Amino acid sequence: MRTKEEVLGIEICECGEKDVAQAIETFQGTSLPFKKAKKLVTECNKTCCRAALLKLYDMNQFGSFDYEEIAQLIDKRIERMRRLVEGEN
């Protein structure tokens, strides 16, 4: 199990090169709907990190964060990407 600080430092989006803490800060600083707020974090229209960002956005709306759940979603994305890359070789 990771600490809150470890989870806050995990890169949530490779495209935008932002970590969980930066994504939270971005979501807290905007009243935009998810699709537009997500673009502020990712700086793209890809859906690779959508699950973790949507969950983080929802948690921000409710004012309570489950850092372990966010870490698990990010780990799942990384694992899927790794499997895709290995499958191509």
N, C-alpha and C. Protein backbone atom coordinates (compact mmCIF):
# COMPACT_ATOMS: atom_id res chain seq x y z
N MET A 1 0.84 -1.17 0.00
CA MET A 1 0.00 0.00 0.00
C MET A 1 0.88 1.24 0.00
N ARG A 2 0.55 2.16 -0.87
CA ARG A 2 1.36 3.37 -1.01
C ARG A 2 0.88 4.46 -0.07
N THR A 3 1.78 5.35 0.25
CA THR A 3 1.40 6.49 1.08
C THR A 3 0.75 7.55 0.19
N LYS A 4 0.07 8.47 0.83
CA LYS A 4 -0.59 9.57 0.11
C LYS A 4 0.44 10.34 -0.72
N GLU A 5 1.60 10.61 -0.14
CA GLU A 5 2.64 11.37 -0.83
C GLU A 5 3.15 10.63 -2.06
N GLU A 6 3.28 9.31 -1.96
CA GLU A 6 3.73 8.51 -3.10
C GLU A 6 2.71 8.60 -4.23
N VAL A 7 1.43 8.48 -3.90
CA VAL A 7 0.37 8.53 -4.91
C VAL A 7 0.32 9.91 -5.55
N LEU A 8 0.44 10.95 -4.75
CA LEU A 8 0.41 12.32 -5.29
C LEU A 8 1.54 12.55 -6.29
N GLY A 9 2.64 11.82 -6.17
CA GLY A 9 3.77 11.98 -7.08
C GLY A 9 3.73 11.12 -8.33
N ILE A 10 2.73 10.23 -8.44
CA ILE A 10 2.64 9.36 -9.61
C ILE A 10 2.17 10.16 -10.82
N GLU A 11 2.79 9.92 -11.95
CA GLU A 11 2.37 10.58 -13.18
C GLU A 11 1.01 10.02 -13.61
N ILE A 12 0.01 10.87 -13.70
CA ILE A 12 -1.34 10.43 -14.04
C ILE A 12 -1.56 10.45 -15.55
N CYS A 13 -0.81 11.29 -16.23
CA CYS A 13 -0.96 11.40 -17.68
C CYS A 13 0.40 11.63 -18.32
N GLU A 14 0.77 10.73 -19.21
CA GLU A 14 2.05 10.86 -19.90
C GLU A 14 2.03 12.01 -20.90
N CYS A 15 0.88 12.25 -21.51
CA CYS A 15 0.78 13.32 -22.52
C CYS A 15 1.04 14.69 -21.90
N GLY A 16 0.36 14.96 -20.80
CA GLY A 16 0.51 16.25 -20.14
C GLY A 16 1.64 16.29 -19.15
N GLU A 17 2.26 15.13 -18.89
CA GLU A 17 3.37 15.00 -17.95
C GLU A 17 3.01 15.59 -16.59
N LYS A 18 1.78 15.32 -16.14
CA LYS A 18 1.33 15.83 -14.85
C LYS A 18 1.14 14.68 -13.87
N ASP A 19 1.41 14.98 -12.61
CA ASP A 19 1.21 13.97 -11.58
C ASP A 19 -0.16 14.15 -10.93
N VAL A 20 -0.49 13.26 -10.01
CA VAL A 20 -1.80 13.27 -9.36
C VAL A 20 -2.02 14.60 -8.64
N ALA A 21 -1.01 15.09 -7.94
CA ALA A 21 -1.15 16.36 -7.21
C ALA A 21 -1.48 17.51 -8.15
N GLN A 22 -0.82 17.56 -9.30
CA GLN A 22 -1.09 18.62 -10.28
C GLN A 22 -2.50 18.49 -10.85
N ALA A 23 -2.95 17.27 -11.08
CA ALA A 23 -4.30 17.05 -11.59
C ALA A 23 -5.34 17.52 -10.57
N ILE A 24 -5.12 17.20 -9.30
CA ILE A 24 -6.03 17.66 -8.25
C ILE A 24 -6.07 19.18 -8.21
N GLU A 25 -4.90 19.78 -8.25
CA GLU A 25 -4.82 21.25 -8.23
C GLU A 25 -5.56 21.86 -9.42
N THR A 26 -5.41 21.26 -10.58
CA THR A 26 -6.10 21.75 -11.77
C THR A 26 -7.61 21.63 -11.62
N PHE A 27 -8.08 20.45 -11.15
CA PHE A 27 -9.51 20.24 -10.98
C PHE A 27 -10.09 21.17 -9.91
N GLN A 28 -9.33 21.43 -8.86
CA GLN A 28 -9.82 22.31 -7.81
C GLN A 28 -9.87 23.76 -8.26
N GLY A 29 -9.06 24.10 -9.26
CA GLY A 29 -8.99 25.48 -9.73
C GLY A 29 -9.92 25.80 -10.88
N THR A 30 -10.81 24.87 -11.22
CA THR A 30 -11.70 25.11 -12.35
C THR A 30 -13.11 24.63 -12.04
N SER A 31 -14.06 25.24 -12.69
CA SER A 31 -15.46 24.79 -12.57
C SER A 31 -15.93 24.19 -13.90
N LEU A 32 -14.98 23.90 -14.77
CA LEU A 32 -15.30 23.33 -16.08
C LEU A 32 -15.83 21.91 -15.94
N PRO A 33 -16.64 21.48 -16.91
CA PRO A 33 -17.07 20.07 -16.91
C PRO A 33 -15.86 19.17 -17.16
N PHE A 34 -16.02 17.88 -16.86
CA PHE A 34 -14.90 16.94 -16.92
C PHE A 34 -14.13 16.98 -18.24
N LYS A 35 -14.83 16.93 -19.35
CA LYS A 35 -14.14 16.84 -20.65
C LYS A 35 -13.17 18.00 -20.85
N LYS A 36 -13.58 19.20 -20.49
CA LYS A 36 -12.70 20.36 -20.66
C LYS A 36 -11.64 20.43 -19.58
N ALA A 37 -12.00 20.05 -18.35
CA ALA A 37 -11.02 20.05 -17.26
C ALA A 37 -9.95 19.00 -17.52
N LYS A 38 -10.35 17.84 -18.07
CA LYS A 38 -9.40 16.77 -18.41
C LYS A 38 -8.37 17.28 -19.40
N LYS A 39 -8.82 18.06 -20.36
CA LYS A 39 -7.91 18.58 -21.38
C LYS A 39 -6.87 19.53 -20.77
N LEU A 40 -7.23 20.22 -19.69
CA LEU A 40 -6.26 21.07 -18.99
C LEU A 40 -5.14 20.22 -18.39
N VAL A 41 -5.48 19.01 -17.95
CA VAL A 41 -4.48 18.12 -17.35
C VAL A 41 -3.69 17.39 -18.43
N THR A 42 -4.40 16.80 -19.40
CA THR A 42 -3.74 15.94 -20.39
C THR A 42 -3.13 16.71 -21.54
N GLU A 43 -3.69 17.87 -21.85
CA GLU A 43 -3.26 18.67 -22.99
C GLU A 43 -3.45 17.92 -24.31
N CYS A 44 -4.39 16.93 -24.31
CA CYS A 44 -4.69 16.17 -25.51
C CYS A 44 -6.13 15.65 -25.45
N ASN A 45 -6.54 14.93 -26.48
CA ASN A 45 -7.88 14.36 -26.53
C ASN A 45 -7.87 12.84 -26.39
N LYS A 46 -6.74 12.26 -26.04
CA LYS A 46 -6.64 10.80 -25.91
C LYS A 46 -7.41 10.32 -24.69
N THR A 47 -7.74 9.03 -24.68
CA THR A 47 -8.51 8.47 -23.58
C THR A 47 -7.70 7.51 -22.71
N CYS A 48 -6.41 7.44 -22.90
CA CYS A 48 -5.58 6.47 -22.18
C CYS A 48 -5.65 6.63 -20.66
N CYS A 49 -5.78 7.84 -20.17
CA CYS A 49 -5.79 8.06 -18.72
C CYS A 49 -7.16 8.51 -18.22
N ARG A 50 -8.18 8.29 -19.02
CA ARG A 50 -9.52 8.78 -18.72
C ARG A 50 -10.08 8.20 -17.41
N ALA A 51 -9.94 6.92 -17.18
CA ALA A 51 -10.53 6.28 -15.99
C ALA A 51 -10.02 6.91 -14.70
N ALA A 52 -8.72 7.04 -14.58
CA ALA A 52 -8.14 7.62 -13.37
C ALA A 52 -8.51 9.08 -13.22
N LEU A 53 -8.49 9.82 -14.31
CA LEU A 53 -8.84 11.23 -14.24
C LEU A 53 -10.31 11.45 -13.92
N LEU A 54 -11.18 10.63 -14.48
CA LEU A 54 -12.62 10.76 -14.19
C LEU A 54 -12.87 10.47 -12.72
N LYS A 55 -12.25 9.44 -12.19
CA LYS A 55 -12.42 9.10 -10.78
C LYS A 55 -11.88 10.23 -9.91
N LEU A 56 -10.74 10.78 -10.27
CA LEU A 56 -10.15 11.88 -9.51
C LEU A 56 -11.04 13.12 -9.58
N TYR A 57 -11.60 13.39 -10.74
CA TYR A 57 -12.51 14.52 -10.93
C TYR A 57 -13.74 14.36 -10.04
N ASP A 58 -14.31 13.15 -10.04
CA ASP A 58 -15.48 12.88 -9.20
C ASP A 58 -15.13 13.02 -7.72
N MET A 59 -13.98 12.50 -7.32
CA MET A 59 -13.57 12.60 -5.92
C MET A 59 -13.41 14.06 -5.53
N ASN A 60 -12.87 14.86 -6.45
CA ASN A 60 -12.71 16.28 -6.18
C ASN A 60 -14.08 16.95 -5.98
N GLN A 61 -15.05 16.57 -6.78
CA GLN A 61 -16.40 17.13 -6.65
C GLN A 61 -17.01 16.81 -5.29
N PHE A 62 -16.72 15.61 -4.77
CA PHE A 62 -17.27 15.19 -3.49
C PHE A 62 -16.39 15.56 -2.31
N GLY A 63 -15.17 16.04 -2.58
CA GLY A 63 -14.29 16.53 -1.54
C GLY A 63 -13.55 15.47 -0.74
N SER A 64 -13.50 14.25 -1.24
CA SER A 64 -12.81 13.17 -0.55
C SER A 64 -12.03 12.34 -1.56
N PHE A 65 -10.77 12.08 -1.27
CA PHE A 65 -9.92 11.37 -2.21
C PHE A 65 -9.52 9.99 -1.67
N ASP A 66 -9.64 8.97 -2.51
CA ASP A 66 -9.18 7.62 -2.20
C ASP A 66 -7.91 7.41 -3.03
N TYR A 67 -6.78 7.69 -2.43
CA TYR A 67 -5.51 7.66 -3.16
C TYR A 67 -5.14 6.25 -3.62
N GLU A 68 -5.50 5.26 -2.83
CA GLU A 68 -5.19 3.88 -3.21
C GLU A 68 -5.97 3.49 -4.47
N GLU A 69 -7.22 3.91 -4.57
CA GLU A 69 -8.02 3.61 -5.77
C GLU A 69 -7.43 4.29 -6.99
N ILE A 70 -7.00 5.52 -6.84
CA ILE A 70 -6.37 6.24 -7.95
C ILE A 70 -5.10 5.51 -8.38
N ALA A 71 -4.28 5.09 -7.43
CA ALA A 71 -3.04 4.36 -7.74
C ALA A 71 -3.35 3.07 -8.49
N GLN A 72 -4.40 2.36 -8.07
CA GLN A 72 -4.77 1.11 -8.74
C GLN A 72 -5.20 1.36 -10.18
N LEU A 73 -5.96 2.42 -10.42
CA LEU A 73 -6.38 2.74 -11.79
C LEU A 73 -5.19 3.10 -12.67
N ILE A 74 -4.25 3.83 -12.12
CA ILE A 74 -3.05 4.18 -12.88
C ILE A 74 -2.23 2.93 -13.16
N ASP A 75 -2.09 2.07 -12.16
CA ASP A 75 -1.35 0.82 -12.35
C ASP A 75 -1.99 -0.05 -13.43
N LYS A 76 -3.31 -0.10 -13.47
CA LYS A 76 -4.02 -0.87 -14.50
C LYS A 76 -3.73 -0.31 -15.88
N ARG A 77 -3.72 1.01 -16.01
CA ARG A 77 -3.42 1.64 -17.30
C ARG A 77 -2.01 1.30 -17.74
N ILE A 78 -1.07 1.40 -16.82
CA ILE A 78 0.33 1.09 -17.13
C ILE A 78 0.47 -0.37 -17.54
N GLU A 79 -0.21 -1.25 -16.84
CA GLU A 79 -0.16 -2.68 -17.17
C GLU A 79 -0.74 -2.95 -18.56
N ARG A 80 -1.87 -2.31 -18.89
CA ARG A 80 -2.46 -2.48 -20.23
C ARG A 80 -1.51 -1.99 -21.31
N MET A 81 -0.89 -0.85 -21.06
CA MET A 81 0.05 -0.31 -22.04
C MET A 81 1.26 -1.25 -22.21
N ARG A 82 1.73 -1.80 -21.09
CA ARG A 82 2.87 -2.72 -21.16
C ARG A 82 2.51 -3.97 -21.96
N ARG A 83 1.32 -4.50 -21.72
CA ARG A 83 0.88 -5.69 -22.46
C ARG A 83 0.74 -5.39 -23.95
N LEU A 84 0.25 -4.22 -24.29
CA LEU A 84 0.11 -3.84 -25.70
C LEU A 84 1.48 -3.77 -26.37
N VAL A 85 2.43 -3.17 -25.68
CA VAL A 85 3.77 -3.04 -26.23
C VAL A 85 4.43 -4.41 -26.38
N GLU A 86 4.27 -5.27 -25.38
CA GLU A 86 4.86 -6.60 -25.45
C GLU A 86 4.19 -7.43 -26.54
N GLY A 87 2.92 -7.22 -26.76
CA GLY A 87 2.19 -7.95 -27.79
C GLY A 87 2.64 -7.59 -29.19
N GLU A 88 3.16 -6.39 -29.35
CA GLU A 88 3.63 -5.92 -30.66
C GLU A 88 4.99 -6.50 -31.00
N ASN A 89 5.76 -6.88 -30.01
CA ASN A 89 7.12 -7.39 -30.25
C ASN A 89 7.10 -8.83 -30.66
